[in-house]
């Protein structure tokens, strides 16, 4: 199911027509100054004010680590153990990880730019003020996560699992998503306009999202089938 029309709509986050506007994500700028060049850490810890450039974190066990005001540039994180890690006021560009393991992690005031992730294990995450800008992500597992003030822009995501997610003020702008799972999702002010989808699982999970007129037309047959409606000309 594709939905690529770019026109706006007058629907609110709850799907009703009215004057209320869908609230956009509120993102705090990430400004990093005076960073110190550093090698990739070999053990878990707290790391502050560091810049990792071209480093390999592959296979390192960094569970429970805290990264505060850090920058990651062209870093590889394949099979890095990041369970329970915290990324606060961080920027990552051209991050590479065929398998990115960061369940139960916290991302606050984070920018992820132009990155290539294969399987991203991000279930039970907490995201606040996060911008994922560009890049290609194959499978993103955000099950049971809490997302607040999150923007995805210009991304290609083959499979996005939002099962059980609580999402508030989340926007997808000019993205391409293959399959989207919304089972058990609770959405409020989630803006899907300008983003195309191939398929959506569990249509009731769309409650609380905003779509445009073109997307609604594409969704109509699926919504009718979900409600058991028979449409005859």
C-alpha atoms as a PDB file:
ATOM      1  CA  UNK A   1       0.000   0.000   0.000  1.00  0.00           C
ATOM      2  CA  UNK A   2       1.576   3.232  -1.145  1.00  0.00           C
ATOM      3  CA  UNK A   3       0.696   6.676   0.121  1.00  0.00           C
ATOM      4  CA  UNK A   4       2.830   9.298  -1.549  1.00  0.00           C
ATOM      5  CA  UNK A   5       0.544  12.295  -2.005  1.00  0.00           C
ATOM      6  CA  UNK A   6       1.953  15.407  -0.352  1.00  0.00           C
ATOM      7  CA  UNK A   7      -1.193  17.432   0.295  1.00  0.00           C
ATOM      8  CA  UNK A   8      -2.117  18.429   3.840  1.00  0.00           C
ATOM      9  CA  UNK A   9      -5.287  17.666   5.757  1.00  0.00           C
ATOM     10  CA  UNK A  10      -7.457  19.348   8.328  1.00  0.00           C
ATOM     11  CA  UNK A  11      -7.637  16.291  10.567  1.00  0.00           C
ATOM     12  CA  UNK A  12      -6.559  16.345  14.150  1.00  0.00           C
ATOM     13  CA  UNK A  13      -4.343  13.743  15.817  1.00  0.00           C
ATOM     14  CA  UNK A  14      -7.464  11.833  16.817  1.00  0.00           C
ATOM     15  CA  UNK A  15      -8.583  11.551  13.214  1.00  0.00           C
ATOM     16  CA  UNK A  16     -11.510  14.032  13.435  1.00  0.00           C
ATOM     17  CA  UNK A  17     -11.954  16.998  11.206  1.00  0.00           C
ATOM     18  CA  UNK A  18     -11.589  20.324  12.975  1.00  0.00           C
ATOM     19  CA  UNK A  19      -9.466  23.369  13.557  1.00  0.00           C
ATOM     20  CA  UNK A  20      -6.970  21.763  15.902  1.00  0.00           C
ATOM     21  CA  UNK A  21      -3.511  21.241  14.442  1.00  0.00           C
ATOM     22  CA  UNK A  22      -1.273  18.241  14.848  1.00  0.00           C
ATOM     23  CA  UNK A  23       1.494  19.263  17.206  1.00  0.00           C
ATOM     24  CA  UNK A  24       4.963  18.968  15.714  1.00  0.00           C
ATOM     25  CA  UNK A  25       7.913  17.491  17.624  1.00  0.00           C
ATOM     26  CA  UNK A  26       9.788  19.979  19.783  1.00  0.00           C
ATOM     27  CA  UNK A  27      13.490  19.294  19.320  1.00  0.00           C
ATOM     28  CA  UNK A  28      16.255  20.807  21.396  1.00  0.00           C
ATOM     29  CA  UNK A  29      19.366  21.702  19.346  1.00  0.00           C
ATOM     30  CA  UNK A  30      22.462  19.580  19.910  1.00  0.00           C
ATOM     31  CA  UNK A  31      25.503  21.856  20.198  1.00  0.00           C
ATOM     32  CA  UNK A  32      28.831  20.206  20.896  1.00  0.00           C
ATOM     33  CA  UNK A  33      31.975  22.231  21.582  1.00  0.00           C
ATOM     34  CA  UNK A  34      35.495  21.491  22.740  1.00  0.00           C
ATOM     35  CA  UNK A  35      35.297  17.750  22.238  1.00  0.00           C
ATOM     36  CA  UNK A  36      38.330  15.556  22.869  1.00  0.00           C
ATOM     37  CA  UNK A  37      39.333  12.949  20.279  1.00  0.00           C
ATOM     38  CA  UNK A  38      39.169   9.489  21.824  1.00  0.00           C
ATOM     39  CA  UNK A  39      39.526   5.815  20.875  1.00  0.00           C
ATOM     40  CA  UNK A  40      36.574   3.470  21.193  1.00  0.00           C
ATOM     41  CA  UNK A  41      36.174   2.332  24.806  1.00  0.00           C
ATOM     42  CA  UNK A  42      36.925  -1.278  25.648  1.00  0.00           C
ATOM     43  CA  UNK A  43      34.756  -1.491  28.764  1.00  0.00           C
ATOM     44  CA  UNK A  44      31.548   0.049  30.067  1.00  0.00           C
ATOM     45  CA  UNK A  45      31.692   3.419  31.812  1.00  0.00           C
ATOM     46  CA  UNK A  46      30.708   7.061  31.615  1.00  0.00           C
ATOM     47  CA  UNK A  47      32.091   9.039  28.693  1.00  0.00           C
ATOM     48  CA  UNK A  48      31.679  12.802  28.415  1.00  0.00           C
ATOM     49  CA  UNK A  49      32.722  15.427  25.876  1.00  0.00           C
ATOM     50  CA  UNK A  50      34.403  12.955  23.507  1.00  0.00           C
ATOM     51  CA  UNK A  51      34.585  12.633  19.732  1.00  0.00           C
ATOM     52  CA  UNK A  52      34.920   9.190  18.179  1.00  0.00           C
ATOM     53  CA  UNK A  53      36.004   9.440  14.539  1.00  0.00           C
ATOM     54  CA  UNK A  54      36.248   6.311  12.377  1.00  0.00           C
ATOM     55  CA  UNK A  55      36.482   4.084  15.435  1.00  0.00           C
ATOM     56  CA  UNK A  56      35.290   0.475  15.693  1.00  0.00           C
ATOM     57  CA  UNK A  57      33.077  -0.397  18.655  1.00  0.00           C
ATOM     58  CA  UNK A  58      32.391  -3.825  17.131  1.00  0.00           C
ATOM     59  CA  UNK A  59      31.682  -6.539  19.688  1.00  0.00           C
ATOM     60  CA  UNK A  60      32.463  -4.356  22.710  1.00  0.00           C
ATOM     61  CA  UNK A  61      30.412  -4.916  25.871  1.00  0.00           C
ATOM     62  CA  UNK A  62      29.272  -1.421  26.850  1.00  0.00           C
ATOM     63  CA  UNK A  63      26.060  -2.341  28.636  1.00  0.00           C
ATOM     64  CA  UNK A  64      24.831   0.392  30.971  1.00  0.00           C
ATOM     65  CA  UNK A  65      27.322   2.947  29.661  1.00  0.00           C
ATOM     66  CA  UNK A  66      26.547   6.665  29.555  1.00  0.00           C
ATOM     67  CA  UNK A  67      27.613   8.890  26.666  1.00  0.00           C
ATOM     68  CA  UNK A  68      27.207  12.573  27.534  1.00  0.00           C
ATOM     69  CA  UNK A  69      27.782  15.289  24.924  1.00  0.00           C
ATOM     70  CA  UNK A  70      29.620  12.936  22.575  1.00  0.00           C
ATOM     71  CA  UNK A  71      29.979  12.797  18.801  1.00  0.00           C
ATOM     72  CA  UNK A  72      30.273   9.665  16.681  1.00  0.00           C
ATOM     73  CA  UNK A  73      31.535  10.066  13.099  1.00  0.00           C
ATOM     74  CA  UNK A  74      31.799   7.114  10.667  1.00  0.00           C
ATOM     75  CA  UNK A  75      31.794   4.712  13.598  1.00  0.00           C
ATOM     76  CA  UNK A  76      31.062   0.976  13.358  1.00  0.00           C
ATOM     77  CA  UNK A  77      28.930  -0.579  16.116  1.00  0.00           C
ATOM     78  CA  UNK A  78      28.295  -4.099  14.883  1.00  0.00           C
ATOM     79  CA  UNK A  79      27.129  -6.351  17.730  1.00  0.00           C
ATOM     80  CA  UNK A  80      28.153  -3.764  20.311  1.00  0.00           C
ATOM     81  CA  UNK A  81      26.443  -4.492  23.631  1.00  0.00           C
ATOM     82  CA  UNK A  82      24.520  -1.324  24.468  1.00  0.00           C
ATOM     83  CA  UNK A  83      21.700  -2.686  26.611  1.00  0.00           C
ATOM     84  CA  UNK A  84      20.589  -0.029  29.070  1.00  0.00           C
ATOM     85  CA  UNK A  85      23.006   2.556  27.657  1.00  0.00           C
ATOM     86  CA  UNK A  86      22.276   6.283  27.811  1.00  0.00           C
ATOM     87  CA  UNK A  87      22.986   8.750  25.015  1.00  0.00           C
ATOM     88  CA  UNK A  88      22.413  12.325  26.198  1.00  0.00           C
ATOM     89  CA  UNK A  89      23.121  15.318  23.931  1.00  0.00           C
ATOM     90  CA  UNK A  90      24.919  13.256  21.306  1.00  0.00           C
ATOM     91  CA  UNK A  91      25.320  13.400  17.554  1.00  0.00           C
ATOM     92  CA  UNK A  92      26.098  10.455  15.280  1.00  0.00           C
ATOM     93  CA  UNK A  93      26.822  10.688  11.547  1.00  0.00           C
ATOM     94  CA  UNK A  94      27.373   7.783   9.133  1.00  0.00           C
ATOM     95  CA  UNK A  95      26.967   5.205  11.894  1.00  0.00           C
ATOM     96  CA  UNK A  96      27.299   1.664  10.522  1.00  0.00           C
ATOM     97  CA  UNK A  97      25.932  -1.471  12.155  1.00  0.00           C
ATOM     98  CA  UNK A  98      24.490  -4.551  10.411  1.00  0.00           C
ATOM     99  CA  UNK A  99      23.274  -5.511  13.894  1.00  0.00           C
ATOM    100  CA  UNK A 100      22.710  -2.654  16.354  1.00  0.00           C
ATOM    101  CA  UNK A 101      21.889  -3.879  19.868  1.00  0.00           C
ATOM    102  CA  UNK A 102      20.581  -1.217  22.246  1.00  0.00           C
ATOM    103  CA  UNK A 103      17.498  -2.541  24.045  1.00  0.00           C
ATOM    104  CA  UNK A 104      16.250  -0.650  27.118  1.00  0.00           C
ATOM    105  CA  UNK A 105      18.418   2.317  26.138  1.00  0.00           C
ATOM    106  CA  UNK A 106      17.729   6.024  26.619  1.00  0.00           C
ATOM    107  CA  UNK A 107      18.221   8.606  23.873  1.00  0.00           C
ATOM    108  CA  UNK A 108      17.695  12.251  24.833  1.00  0.00           C
ATOM    109  CA  UNK A 109      18.643  15.219  22.655  1.00  0.00           C
ATOM    110  CA  UNK A 110      20.207  12.989  19.995  1.00  0.00           C
ATOM    111  CA  UNK A 111      20.736  13.448  16.249  1.00  0.00           C
ATOM    112  CA  UNK A 112      21.409  10.427  14.010  1.00  0.00           C
ATOM    113  CA  UNK A 113      22.393  11.405  10.475  1.00  0.00           C
ATOM    114  CA  UNK A 114      22.921   9.423   7.284  1.00  0.00           C
ATOM    115  CA  UNK A 115      23.436   6.097   9.009  1.00  0.00           C
ATOM    116  CA  UNK A 116      23.152   2.525   7.785  1.00  0.00           C
ATOM    117  CA  UNK A 117      21.625   0.054  10.226  1.00  0.00           C
ATOM    118  CA  UNK A 118      20.562  -3.493   9.471  1.00  0.00           C
ATOM    119  CA  UNK A 119      18.694  -5.004  12.394  1.00  0.00           C
ATOM    120  CA  UNK A 120      18.223  -2.344  15.092  1.00  0.00           C
ATOM    121  CA  UNK A 121      17.160  -3.847  18.433  1.00  0.00           C
ATOM    122  CA  UNK A 122      15.673  -0.828  20.202  1.00  0.00           C
ATOM    123  CA  UNK A 123      12.810  -2.337  22.160  1.00  0.00           C
ATOM    124  CA  UNK A 124      11.886  -0.889  25.564  1.00  0.00           C
ATOM    125  CA  UNK A 125      13.683   2.346  24.659  1.00  0.00           C
ATOM    126  CA  UNK A 126      12.953   5.854  25.905  1.00  0.00           C
ATOM    127  CA  UNK A 127      13.438   8.590  23.288  1.00  0.00           C
ATOM    128  CA  UNK A 128      13.073  12.302  23.997  1.00  0.00           C
ATOM    129  CA  UNK A 129      13.972  14.988  21.449  1.00  0.00           C
ATOM    130  CA  UNK A 130      15.516  12.663  18.846  1.00  0.00           C
ATOM    131  CA  UNK A 131      16.038  13.410  15.145  1.00  0.00           C
ATOM    132  CA  UNK A 132      16.788  10.561  12.734  1.00  0.00           C
ATOM    133  CA  UNK A 133      17.806  12.322   9.523  1.00  0.00           C
ATOM    134  CA  UNK A 134      18.364  10.337   6.343  1.00  0.00           C
ATOM    135  CA  UNK A 135      19.992   6.953   6.090  1.00  0.00           C
ATOM    136  CA  UNK A 136      18.716   3.441   5.470  1.00  0.00           C
ATOM    137  CA  UNK A 137      17.441   1.124   8.171  1.00  0.00           C
ATOM    138  CA  UNK A 138      16.363  -2.414   7.364  1.00  0.00           C
ATOM    139  CA  UNK A 139      14.517  -3.564  10.483  1.00  0.00           C
ATOM    140  CA  UNK A 140      13.790  -1.258  13.413  1.00  0.00           C
ATOM    141  CA  UNK A 141      12.347  -2.893  16.535  1.00  0.00           C
ATOM    142  CA  UNK A 142      10.947  -0.204  18.833  1.00  0.00           C
ATOM    143  CA  UNK A 143       8.468  -2.446  20.597  1.00  0.00           C
ATOM    144  CA  UNK A 144       7.130  -1.168  23.926  1.00  0.00           C
ATOM    145  CA  UNK A 145       9.188   2.017  23.648  1.00  0.00           C
ATOM    146  CA  UNK A 146       8.188   5.542  24.668  1.00  0.00           C
ATOM    147  CA  UNK A 147       8.812   8.170  22.014  1.00  0.00           C
ATOM    148  CA  UNK A 148       8.300  11.861  22.754  1.00  0.00           C
ATOM    149  CA  UNK A 149       9.269  14.684  20.379  1.00  0.00           C
ATOM    150  CA  UNK A 150      10.843  12.491  17.696  1.00  0.00           C
ATOM    151  CA  UNK A 151      11.388  13.347  14.028  1.00  0.00           C
ATOM    152  CA  UNK A 152      12.253  10.920  11.231  1.00  0.00           C
ATOM    153  CA  UNK A 153      13.145  12.792   8.028  1.00  0.00           C
ATOM    154  CA  UNK A 154      14.250  11.511   4.640  1.00  0.00           C
ATOM    155  CA  UNK A 155      14.671   7.946   5.926  1.00  0.00           C
ATOM    156  CA  UNK A 156      14.160   4.617   4.218  1.00  0.00           C
ATOM    157  CA  UNK A 157      12.962   1.967   6.675  1.00  0.00           C
ATOM    158  CA  UNK A 158      12.168  -1.475   5.310  1.00  0.00           C
ATOM    159  CA  UNK A 159      10.328  -2.729   8.412  1.00  0.00           C
ATOM    160  CA  UNK A 160       9.261  -0.624  11.406  1.00  0.00           C
ATOM    161  CA  UNK A 161       7.846  -2.434  14.439  1.00  0.00           C
ATOM    162  CA  UNK A 162       5.931  -0.104  16.772  1.00  0.00           C
ATOM    163  CA  UNK A 163       4.080  -2.833  18.646  1.00  0.00           C
ATOM    164  CA  UNK A 164       3.049  -1.463  22.047  1.00  0.00           C
ATOM    165  CA  UNK A 165       4.727   1.900  21.467  1.00  0.00           C
ATOM    166  CA  UNK A 166       3.580   5.055  23.234  1.00  0.00           C
ATOM    167  CA  UNK A 167       4.304   7.887  20.814  1.00  0.00           C
ATOM    168  CA  UNK A 168       3.639  11.591  21.405  1.00  0.00           C
ATOM    169  CA  UNK A 169       4.553  14.336  18.936  1.00  0.00           C
ATOM    170  CA  UNK A 170       6.313  12.060  16.454  1.00  0.00           C
ATOM    171  CA  UNK A 171       6.603  12.991  12.782  1.00  0.00           C
ATOM    172  CA  UNK A 172       7.726  11.117   9.676  1.00  0.00           C
ATOM    173  CA  UNK A 173       8.645  13.559   6.910  1.00  0.00           C
ATOM    174  CA  UNK A 174       9.517  12.467   3.388  1.00  0.00           C
ATOM    175  CA  UNK A 175      10.248   8.925   4.533  1.00  0.00           C
ATOM    176  CA  UNK A 176       9.701   5.612   2.791  1.00  0.00           C
ATOM    177  CA  UNK A 177       8.567   2.747   5.010  1.00  0.00           C
ATOM    178  CA  UNK A 178       8.016  -0.787   3.736  1.00  0.00           C
ATOM    179  CA  UNK A 179       5.926  -2.460   6.434  1.00  0.00           C
ATOM    180  CA  UNK A 180       4.643  -0.745   9.583  1.00  0.00           C
ATOM    181  CA  UNK A 181       3.352  -2.691  12.599  1.00  0.00           C
ATOM    182  CA  UNK A 182       1.062  -0.725  14.916  1.00  0.00           C
ATOM    183  CA  UNK A 183      -0.289  -3.534  17.098  1.00  0.00           C
ATOM    184  CA  UNK A 184      -1.074  -2.137  20.541  1.00  0.00           C
ATOM    185  CA  UNK A 185       0.374   1.266  19.670  1.00  0.00           C
ATOM    186  CA  UNK A 186      -0.906   4.374  21.467  1.00  0.00           C
ATOM    187  CA  UNK A 187      -0.383   7.425  19.266  1.00  0.00           C
ATOM    188  CA  UNK A 188      -0.903  11.104  19.962  1.00  0.00           C
ATOM    189  CA  UNK A 189       0.053  13.794  17.453  1.00  0.00           C
ATOM    190  CA  UNK A 190       1.845  11.332  15.162  1.00  0.00           C
ATOM    191  CA  UNK A 191       2.222  12.875  11.704  1.00  0.00           C
ATOM    192  CA  UNK A 192       2.503  10.439   8.794  1.00  0.00           C
ATOM    193  CA  UNK A 193       1.937  12.943   5.994  1.00  0.00           C
ATOM    194  CA  UNK A 194       4.447  12.976   3.097  1.00  0.00           C
ATOM    195  CA  UNK A 195       5.546   9.438   3.971  1.00  0.00           C
ATOM    196  CA  UNK A 196       4.842   6.376   1.833  1.00  0.00           C
ATOM    197  CA  UNK A 197       4.027   2.873   3.074  1.00  0.00           C
ATOM    198  CA  UNK A 198       3.820  -0.499   1.393  1.00  0.00           C
ATOM    199  CA  UNK A 199       1.750  -2.157   4.126  1.00  0.00           C
ATOM    200  CA  UNK A 200       0.361  -1.435   7.592  1.00  0.00           C
ATOM    201  CA  UNK A 201      -0.406  -4.134  10.154  1.00  0.00           C
ATOM    202  CA  UNK A 202      -3.167  -3.535  12.724  1.00  0.00           C
ATOM    203  CA  UNK A 203      -5.029  -0.557  11.295  1.00  0.00           C
ATOM    204  CA  UNK A 204      -6.747   0.362  14.608  1.00  0.00           C
ATOM    205  CA  UNK A 205      -3.300   1.394  15.790  1.00  0.00           C
ATOM    206  CA  UNK A 206      -3.521   4.378  13.424  1.00  0.00           C
ATOM    207  CA  UNK A 207      -5.842   6.122  15.881  1.00  0.00           C
ATOM    208  CA  UNK A 208      -4.083   9.304  16.951  1.00  0.00           C
ATOM    209  CA  UNK A 209      -2.181   9.673  13.674  1.00  0.00           C
ATOM    210  CA  UNK A 210      -2.548  12.333  10.989  1.00  0.00           C
ATOM    211  CA  UNK A 211      -2.597  11.360   7.315  1.00  0.00           C
ATOM    212  CA  UNK A 212      -3.122  13.392   4.169  1.00  0.00           C
ATOM    213  CA  UNK A 213      -5.967  13.089   1.657  1.00  0.00           C
ATOM    214  CA  UNK A 214      -3.988  10.875  -0.694  1.00  0.00           C
ATOM    215  CA  UNK A 215      -3.017   8.480   2.060  1.00  0.00           C
ATOM    216  CA  UNK A 216      -6.631   8.288   3.215  1.00  0.00           C
ATOM    217  CA  UNK A 217      -7.724   7.290  -0.288  1.00  0.00           C
ATOM    218  CA  UNK A 218      -5.106   4.550  -0.330  1.00  0.00           C
ATOM    219  CA  UNK A 219      -6.171   3.367   3.107  1.00  0.00           C
ATOM    220  CA  UNK A 220      -9.886   3.288   2.283  1.00  0.00           C
ATOM    221  CA  UNK A 221     -10.045  -0.327   0.983  1.00  0.00           C
ATOM    222  CA  UNK A 222      -8.025  -1.597   3.965  1.00  0.00           C
ATOM    223  CA  UNK A 223     -10.195   0.336   6.419  1.00  0.00           C
ATOM    224  CA  UNK A 224     -13.355  -1.012   4.784  1.00  0.00           C
ATOM    225  CA  UNK A 225     -12.075  -4.573   4.980  1.00  0.00           C
ATOM    226  CA  UNK A 226     -11.069  -4.083   8.607  1.00  0.00           C
ATOM    227  CA  UNK A 227     -14.605  -2.887   9.437  1.00  0.00           C
ATOM    228  CA  UNK A 228     -16.239  -5.651   7.430  1.00  0.00           C
ATOM    229  CA  UNK A 229     -17.733  -3.185   4.961  1.00  0.00           C
ATOM    230  CA  UNK A 230     -18.739  -4.296   1.481  1.00  0.00           C
ATOM    231  CA  UNK A 231     -18.421  -1.574  -1.132  1.00  0.00           C
ATOM    232  CA  UNK A 232     -20.475  -1.963  -4.306  1.00  0.00           C
ATOM    233  CA  UNK A 233     -20.746   0.511  -7.147  1.00  0.00           C
END
